[in-house]
Protein backbone atom coordinates (compact mmCIF):
# COMPACT_ATOMS: atom_id res chain seq x y z
CA MET A 1 -49.73 42.78 -10.64
CA VAL A 2 -47.14 40.15 -9.24
CA GLY A 3 -44.09 41.73 -7.37
CA LEU A 4 -40.98 39.96 -8.30
CA THR A 5 -38.53 38.99 -5.50
CA TYR A 6 -34.65 39.57 -6.46
CA LEU A 7 -32.57 37.24 -4.94
CA PRO A 8 -29.38 38.21 -3.65
CA ILE A 9 -26.30 37.55 -6.36
CA GLU A 10 -23.79 35.09 -5.07
CA THR A 11 -20.13 36.79 -5.24
CA GLU A 12 -17.93 34.20 -3.64
CA PRO A 13 -16.68 31.83 -6.05
CA ALA A 14 -18.44 28.22 -6.30
CA ARG A 15 -16.79 25.37 -3.93
CA GLY A 16 -15.95 22.05 -5.73
CA PRO A 17 -16.03 18.73 -4.06
CA TYR A 18 -12.04 18.96 -3.42
CA HIS A 19 -9.56 20.71 -1.66
CA THR A 20 -8.26 23.93 -3.65
CA ILE A 21 -4.49 23.11 -4.53
CA THR A 22 -3.52 26.08 -5.88
CA THR A 23 -4.69 29.40 -7.69
CA GLY A 24 -2.81 31.85 -9.83
CA THR A 25 -1.03 32.05 -13.23
CA ALA A 26 0.26 29.64 -15.13
CA SER A 27 3.74 30.15 -14.88
CA ASP A 28 3.39 30.93 -10.71
CA ASN A 29 6.34 28.81 -9.23
CA ARG A 30 3.64 27.72 -6.28
CA LYS A 31 1.58 26.15 -9.13
CA LEU A 32 4.29 24.53 -10.71
CA PHE A 33 5.04 22.95 -7.05
CA ALA A 34 1.52 21.83 -6.45
CA TYR A 35 1.73 19.51 -9.79
CA ASN A 36 4.90 18.93 -9.04
CA HIS A 37 3.50 16.71 -6.15
CA LEU A 38 0.73 15.24 -8.21
CA VAL A 39 3.39 14.31 -10.84
CA TYR A 40 4.63 10.48 -10.23
CA ALA A 41 7.64 9.59 -8.68
CA ASP A 42 9.82 6.86 -9.31
CA ALA A 43 8.23 4.08 -7.27
CA PHE A 44 10.93 1.97 -6.49
CA SER A 45 12.79 4.94 -4.95
CA THR A 46 14.32 5.01 -1.82
CA CYS A 47 13.85 8.73 -2.15
CA PHE A 48 11.16 9.04 0.68
CA GLY A 49 13.23 6.72 3.23
CA PRO A 50 12.54 3.08 4.70
CA TRP A 51 9.40 1.13 4.50
CA PRO A 52 8.15 2.40 7.97
CA LEU A 53 6.22 -1.29 9.14
CA LEU A 54 7.37 -4.78 9.68
CA ALA A 55 6.35 -7.50 7.41
CA PRO A 56 6.12 -10.85 9.26
CA ALA A 57 9.00 -13.57 8.56
CA LYS A 58 7.56 -16.99 7.56
CA SER A 59 9.55 -18.37 11.09
CA GLY A 60 6.53 -16.11 12.78
CA SER A 61 8.92 -13.23 13.90
CA THR A 62 9.35 -9.86 12.32
CA ARG A 63 11.70 -8.65 9.99
CA SER A 64 12.48 -5.06 8.26
CA VAL A 65 11.12 -5.35 4.34
CA THR A 66 14.15 -2.85 3.84
CA GLN A 67 16.62 -5.30 5.35
CA ASN A 68 15.18 -7.86 3.09
CA SER A 69 15.52 -6.18 0.29
CA SER A 70 18.95 -4.99 0.98
CA SER A 71 20.58 -8.74 1.32
CA SER A 72 18.81 -9.72 -1.71
CA SER A 73 19.92 -7.14 -4.04
CA SER A 74 23.37 -8.68 -3.11
CA LYS A 75 22.96 -12.03 -5.27
CA ASP A 76 23.73 -12.10 -8.85
CA SER A 77 20.62 -11.80 -11.64
CA SER A 78 21.13 -15.57 -11.25
CA GLN A 79 18.77 -15.62 -8.96
CA TYR A 80 16.13 -13.93 -10.87
CA LEU A 81 16.36 -17.23 -13.50
CA ASP A 82 12.80 -18.09 -13.80
CA ARG A 83 11.62 -14.55 -13.95
CA PHE A 84 13.24 -14.63 -17.44
CA LEU A 85 10.95 -17.02 -18.80
CA GLU A 86 7.40 -16.73 -20.22
CA LEU A 87 4.62 -17.05 -17.88
CA THR A 88 2.95 -20.25 -18.41
CA GLY A 89 -0.14 -22.35 -16.87
CA ASP A 90 -3.52 -22.39 -17.27
CA TYR A 91 -3.86 -19.23 -15.05
CA ALA A 92 -1.52 -17.31 -17.19
CA PRO A 93 -3.32 -14.83 -19.47
CA PRO A 94 -2.53 -14.97 -23.10
CA ALA A 95 1.21 -13.76 -24.12
CA ILE A 96 1.44 -10.74 -26.82
CA ASN A 97 3.12 -11.97 -29.72
CA SER A 98 5.59 -9.31 -30.23
CA TRP A 99 6.42 -9.74 -26.37
CA PHE A 100 6.49 -13.46 -26.26
CA HIS A 101 9.34 -14.74 -24.63
CA ALA A 102 11.25 -11.02 -24.83
CA ASN A 103 12.89 -11.37 -21.28
CA ALA A 104 14.34 -14.97 -22.29
CA VAL A 105 15.46 -14.07 -25.64
CA LYS A 106 15.66 -10.25 -26.20
CA VAL A 107 17.76 -9.61 -22.86
CA ASN A 108 21.59 -9.21 -22.87
CA ARG A 109 21.94 -10.37 -19.15
CA PHE A 110 25.72 -9.16 -19.05
CA SER A 111 25.03 -5.87 -20.73
CA ALA A 112 28.20 -3.28 -20.36
CA LYS A 113 24.89 -0.50 -18.97
CA TYR A 114 23.37 -2.78 -16.43
CA GLN A 115 26.73 -3.44 -15.02
CA GLN A 116 27.95 -0.12 -15.04
CA ARG A 117 24.64 1.20 -13.30
CA LYS A 118 24.13 1.25 -9.52
CA HIS A 119 20.78 -0.73 -8.68
CA LEU A 120 18.72 0.18 -5.97
CA PRO A 121 17.91 -2.63 -3.04
CA SER A 122 14.24 -1.93 -3.92
CA ASP A 123 14.86 -2.85 -7.57
CA ALA A 124 13.89 -6.20 -6.98
CA ASN A 125 10.73 -6.14 -5.56
CA TYR A 126 7.60 -5.43 -7.38
CA PHE A 127 5.18 -2.86 -6.81
CA PHE A 128 2.01 -4.79 -7.39
CA PRO A 129 2.10 -8.81 -6.15
CA ASP A 130 4.70 -10.80 -8.72
CA PRO A 131 2.42 -12.50 -10.92
CA HIS A 132 4.70 -15.79 -10.96
CA ILE A 133 3.35 -16.21 -7.62
CA PHE A 134 -0.08 -17.40 -8.56
CA LEU A 135 1.41 -19.84 -10.93
CA ASP A 136 4.15 -21.67 -9.29
CA VAL A 137 1.52 -22.74 -6.09
CA SER A 138 -0.79 -25.39 -5.30
CA ASN A 139 -4.50 -24.97 -6.39
CA ARG A 140 -4.87 -24.53 -2.53
CA GLY A 141 -2.56 -21.43 -2.34
CA ARG A 142 -3.72 -19.88 -5.80
CA THR A 143 -7.20 -19.84 -4.33
CA ALA A 144 -5.96 -18.28 -1.17
CA TYR A 145 -3.44 -15.73 -2.56
CA LEU A 146 -6.60 -14.57 -5.43
CA HIS A 147 -9.03 -14.29 -2.53
CA MET A 148 -6.37 -11.92 0.01
CA TRP A 149 -5.69 -10.18 -3.22
CA LYS A 150 -9.35 -9.34 -3.75
CA GLN A 151 -9.91 -8.58 -0.17
CA ILE A 152 -6.73 -5.79 -0.42
CA SER A 153 -6.42 -4.34 -3.98
CA SER A 154 -8.58 -1.43 -3.53
CA PHE A 155 -6.76 -0.52 -0.64
CA TRP A 156 -3.48 -1.04 -2.46
CA LYS A 157 -4.10 0.35 -5.14
CA TYR A 158 -5.70 3.69 -3.67
CA ARG A 159 -2.31 3.96 -2.07
CA ALA A 160 -0.72 3.74 -5.43
CA SER A 161 -3.07 6.05 -7.29
CA CYS A 162 -2.32 8.38 -4.43
CA ASN A 163 1.40 8.82 -5.19
CA LYS A 164 1.57 8.33 -0.93
CA PRO A 165 5.16 7.56 0.13
CA ASP A 166 4.02 4.70 2.48
CA ALA A 167 3.46 2.55 -1.03
CA ARG A 168 6.48 0.60 -1.16
CA PRO A 169 7.07 -2.64 -3.83
CA LEU A 170 7.55 -5.82 -1.36
CA SER A 171 9.69 -9.03 -2.80
CA SER A 172 8.04 -12.05 -4.40
CA GLU A 173 8.48 -13.41 -1.22
CA GLU A 174 6.95 -10.79 1.04
CA TRP A 175 4.31 -10.81 -1.34
CA ARG A 176 3.78 -14.73 -0.87
CA ASP A 177 3.92 -13.90 3.05
CA LEU A 178 1.02 -11.14 2.88
CA LEU A 179 -1.15 -13.46 0.22
CA GLY A 180 -0.75 -16.49 2.32
CA ILE A 181 -2.05 -14.83 5.49
CA PRO A 182 -4.95 -17.29 5.63
CA LEU A 183 -3.05 -20.09 4.72
CA LYS A 184 -1.26 -19.95 8.40
CA ALA A 185 -3.53 -18.02 10.38
CA SER A 186 -6.28 -20.03 12.09
CA THR A 187 -8.94 -16.99 12.85
CA GLU A 188 -10.45 -14.34 11.45
CA SER A 189 -9.13 -11.78 14.18
CA GLU A 190 -5.39 -13.42 13.38
CA ILE A 191 -5.73 -12.71 9.67
CA ARG A 192 -6.67 -9.09 10.37
CA LYS A 193 -3.74 -9.24 12.90
CA GLN A 194 -1.29 -10.21 10.48
CA VAL A 195 -2.50 -7.63 7.29
CA LYS A 196 -2.54 -4.92 10.08
CA ILE A 197 1.21 -5.29 10.85
CA PHE A 198 1.93 -5.12 6.60
CA LEU A 199 -0.55 -2.27 5.81
CA GLY A 200 -1.42 -0.85 8.65
CA PRO A 201 -4.84 0.04 10.02
CA SER A 202 -7.50 0.36 7.25
CA PRO A 203 -8.24 3.93 6.21
CA ASP A 204 -12.66 3.92 6.10
CA SER A 205 -12.12 7.71 6.79
CA LYS A 206 -10.58 8.06 3.78
CA GLY A 207 -13.52 5.88 1.89
CA VAL A 208 -11.11 3.43 1.03
CA SER A 209 -11.11 0.03 3.00
CA TYR A 210 -9.99 -3.57 3.40
CA HIS A 211 -12.51 -5.47 4.89
CA LEU A 212 -11.58 -9.72 5.48
CA ASN A 213 -14.19 -12.45 4.80
CA ALA A 214 -12.29 -15.17 6.35
CA SER A 215 -15.34 -17.37 4.74
CA ASP A 216 -13.98 -16.75 1.27
CA PHE A 217 -10.35 -17.88 1.78
CA ASN A 218 -12.07 -21.42 0.85
CA LEU A 219 -14.48 -20.74 -1.84
CA PRO A 220 -13.07 -21.66 -5.14
CA ILE A 221 -12.64 -19.13 -8.30
CA GLU A 222 -13.46 -19.93 -11.34
CA LYS A 223 -10.69 -20.30 -14.08
CA LYS A 224 -12.22 -16.99 -16.23
CA GLU A 225 -12.04 -14.81 -12.65
CA ALA A 226 -8.62 -15.94 -12.08
CA LEU A 227 -7.25 -14.62 -15.62
CA GLU A 228 -8.48 -11.73 -14.83
CA LEU A 229 -7.46 -11.37 -11.50
CA VAL A 230 -3.81 -11.92 -13.03
CA TRP A 231 -4.17 -9.83 -15.58
CA GLU A 232 -5.07 -6.93 -13.52
CA ILE A 233 -2.12 -7.63 -11.77
CA CYS A 234 0.34 -7.63 -14.63
CA GLU A 235 -1.06 -4.60 -16.25
CA PRO A 236 -0.29 -2.28 -13.44
CA ASN A 237 3.06 -4.20 -12.77
CA PHE A 238 3.92 -2.97 -16.16
CA ARG A 239 2.73 0.80 -15.98
CA PHE A 240 4.23 1.26 -13.11
CA GLU A 241 7.60 0.20 -13.87
CA LEU A 242 7.34 1.79 -17.49
CA LEU A 243 6.71 4.96 -15.61
CA SER A 244 9.54 4.45 -13.23
CA LEU A 245 11.86 3.60 -16.27
CA ASP A 246 11.34 7.24 -17.63
CA VAL A 247 11.81 8.41 -14.75
CA ARG A 248 15.39 7.21 -14.47
CA ALA A 249 15.71 6.81 -18.55
CA ALA A 250 14.31 10.34 -19.61
CA ALA A 251 16.98 12.64 -20.94
CA ARG A 252 16.95 15.95 -18.61
CA SER A 253 16.38 19.24 -20.48
CA PRO A 254 19.47 21.67 -20.64
CA ARG A 255 16.95 23.82 -19.07
CA SER A 256 17.07 21.83 -16.08
CA GLN A 257 21.03 22.70 -15.45
CA SER A 258 19.65 26.51 -13.98
CA THR A 259 19.79 27.09 -10.61
CA GLY A 260 17.20 28.89 -8.25
CA ASP A 261 13.25 29.15 -9.18
CA GLU A 262 14.60 28.76 -12.74
CA TYR A 263 15.59 25.23 -12.46
CA PHE A 264 12.38 24.42 -10.36
CA GLN A 265 10.34 26.01 -12.99
CA ALA A 266 12.04 23.73 -15.50
CA GLU A 267 12.40 20.70 -13.87
CA SER A 268 8.92 20.91 -12.65
CA THR A 269 7.79 21.54 -16.25
CA PHE A 270 9.89 18.73 -17.67
CA ARG A 271 8.57 16.18 -15.49
CA ILE A 272 4.78 17.22 -15.98
CA GLU A 273 5.43 16.69 -19.32
CA ARG A 274 6.97 13.18 -19.59
CA GLN A 275 4.24 11.95 -17.51
CA THR A 276 1.73 13.42 -20.03
CA LYS A 277 3.50 11.85 -22.90
CA PHE A 278 3.51 8.66 -20.70
CA GLY A 279 -0.74 8.43 -19.89
CA TRP A 280 -1.23 8.61 -23.80
CA CYS A 281 0.63 5.13 -23.93
CA PHE A 282 -2.89 4.12 -22.22
CA PRO A 283 -6.67 3.72 -23.37
CA ASP A 284 -7.61 4.79 -19.67
CA ALA A 285 -6.27 5.86 -16.19
CA PHE A 286 -2.65 4.52 -16.28
CA SER A 287 -3.18 3.73 -12.44
CA SER A 288 -5.90 1.81 -12.28
CA PRO A 289 -6.57 -0.60 -15.84
CA GLN A 290 -9.92 -1.31 -16.61
CA SER A 291 -10.88 -4.38 -18.28
CA ALA A 292 -13.42 -3.35 -20.32
CA ARG A 293 -10.50 -1.13 -22.26
CA ALA A 294 -7.91 -4.24 -22.14
CA ASP A 295 -8.51 -4.49 -26.26
CA TYR A 296 -7.67 -0.89 -26.68
CA GLY A 297 -4.10 -0.74 -25.44
CA ILE A 298 -1.07 -2.31 -26.23
CA SER A 299 -2.24 -5.69 -25.36
CA SER A 300 -5.04 -5.29 -28.58
CA THR A 301 -5.82 -7.64 -30.70
CA HIS A 302 -6.28 -5.10 -33.65
CA TRP A 303 -3.24 -3.98 -34.56
CA SER A 304 -5.24 -0.30 -35.37
CA ARG A 305 -5.75 0.04 -31.66
CA ARG A 306 -2.53 -1.45 -30.54
CA PHE A 307 -0.57 0.95 -33.16
CA LYS A 308 -1.98 3.88 -31.81
CA ARG A 309 -0.65 3.08 -27.94
CA LEU A 310 2.47 1.72 -29.49
CA LYS A 311 3.11 5.47 -31.42
CA TYR A 312 2.98 7.09 -27.99
CA LEU A 313 5.30 4.59 -26.33
CA ARG A 314 7.52 5.12 -29.25
CA LYS A 315 7.52 8.98 -28.68
CA LEU A 316 8.01 8.39 -25.03
CA MET A 317 11.22 6.13 -25.72
CA GLU A 318 12.37 9.47 -27.95
CA GLY A 319 12.96 11.47 -24.74
CA TRP A 320 15.21 8.60 -23.15
CA ALA A 321 19.18 9.74 -22.92
CA ASP A 322 19.25 6.16 -25.12
CA PRO A 323 16.43 5.64 -27.54
CA PRO A 324 15.74 2.85 -29.49
CA ARG A 325 17.38 2.30 -32.36
CA ARG A 326 17.26 4.45 -35.79
CA GLU A 327 15.44 1.75 -37.70
CA VAL A 328 12.72 1.73 -35.06
CA MET A 329 12.38 5.72 -34.45
CA THR A 330 12.50 6.74 -38.32
CA ILE A 331 10.34 4.34 -40.11
CA ARG A 332 7.03 6.24 -41.69
CA PRO A 333 3.90 6.28 -39.31
CA GLU A 334 1.78 5.52 -42.88
CA VAL A 335 4.37 2.81 -43.74
CA LEU A 336 2.95 0.91 -39.97
CA GLU A 337 -0.72 1.78 -40.42
CA LYS A 338 -1.56 -1.54 -41.71
CA GLU A 339 -0.26 -4.71 -40.19
CA SER A 340 2.44 -6.54 -42.20
CA ARG A 341 6.32 -8.23 -41.98
CA VAL A 342 7.87 -4.67 -41.40
CA SER A 343 4.79 -3.59 -38.60
CA VAL A 344 5.29 -6.63 -36.09
CA GLU A 345 9.77 -5.90 -36.75
CA TRP A 346 8.92 -2.32 -35.96
CA GLU A 347 6.91 -3.81 -32.71
CA GLN A 348 9.60 -6.17 -31.54
CA GLY A 349 12.26 -3.69 -32.04
CA LEU A 350 9.99 -1.47 -29.37
CA VAL A 351 10.00 -4.22 -27.44
CA GLN A 352 13.40 -5.25 -27.18
CA HIS A 353 14.55 -1.84 -25.95
CA TYR A 354 11.76 -1.74 -23.41
CA VAL A 355 13.26 -5.27 -22.18
CA GLN A 356 16.85 -4.38 -22.14
CA THR A 357 16.19 -0.90 -20.99
CA PHE A 358 14.71 -2.01 -17.97
CA TYR A 359 16.79 -4.60 -17.40
CA ASP A 360 19.99 -2.31 -17.32
CA TYR A 361 18.49 0.16 -15.26
CA PHE A 362 16.79 -2.18 -12.77
CA GLY A 363 18.79 -5.75 -12.67
CA ARG A 364 16.16 -7.76 -13.28
CA PRO A 365 13.51 -8.60 -16.03
CA ALA A 366 10.39 -6.80 -16.67
CA ILE A 367 6.99 -7.61 -15.78
CA LEU A 368 5.16 -7.87 -19.38
CA PRO A 369 2.07 -6.81 -20.27
CA ARG A 370 -0.24 -9.81 -21.05
CA ARG A 371 -3.61 -10.07 -23.46
CA LEU A 372 -6.91 -10.51 -21.90
CA PRO A 373 -8.90 -13.61 -23.00
CA ALA A 374 -12.36 -12.22 -24.79
CA GLU A 375 -14.39 -14.06 -22.58
CA CYS A 376 -12.96 -12.26 -19.70
CA GLN A 377 -13.79 -8.89 -21.13
CA PRO A 378 -17.03 -7.08 -20.24
CA VAL A 379 -18.59 -5.26 -22.95
CA SER A 380 -17.54 -1.95 -23.39
CA ARG A 381 -19.65 1.22 -24.41
CA ILE A 382 -16.93 3.52 -24.59
């Protein structure tokens, strides 16, 4: 007869690969505090203080990014005149029909709300590269910009997705300086030195790093890859701008007028609810757009897929202090299920409200979502 050996029962809970954030009941203030830190903030806010690093100026000296932003903010909206125009050129991803020329045609640049609001110096900047800089440049410059972005993009996306306070938006000029380092530096060591000034040391210990390979900067980039890279720059710009706009434009719940713990609980719950609604607007993780899912979101060529995300966008806008006009908000969903003149006008109404509201709050035209050409989309099995 074979005896049985009984193993001791594990009494400790299984440990996952990540640190425990908090335990307790759902209403525990400590849990709400932890959630609050996981909710994304306004990416353009200066609440974390000025940018801690120095960026190299074109003259070869250094300057503070914050100082540059402050000086540029004193100019009026005429400095963004070319940014109101549609992205054009062989390397511009196709526009979405209802978003085409939206900034140029649908934005009232002298609206009362724009003039009444105070705009932050950092509002003039871009959390991801300004896509215009890849189009208004020589072929050599575009190739260098795209190669540099390929080599640092994972690191930059890591900062953005982790909601790190050192992830700050840059002006168009600063993005040119950063991505154009290979055009000025003569050696790989010099390139590394200049990039480190901008980004700080590569965080290898955290599993995300940038490894610069100077030999790649002179290699040609096929048009197909260039289109996908520019799309991957436009899309997160649009998403982070929409997120930051919602943080500012969302109407606060009456509960947030409370004090003490009640205020903290109400505000935390409110922010979690807003970000949940925001996430529904996209077919993938909002901070990491996937080209395989490009035709399942707001830019889809299929109306049913696009309408699904546009409904969530309308739901998000419904919670703004200044929601879209009544005819956009009250039209019944069943009327919009098939693409028609009514659905096109409804979509254009949403777009018009978005671009105007963004301009009113940020004082510059928004980066608009684009379509990824079919030949650039990998086959999706999702």
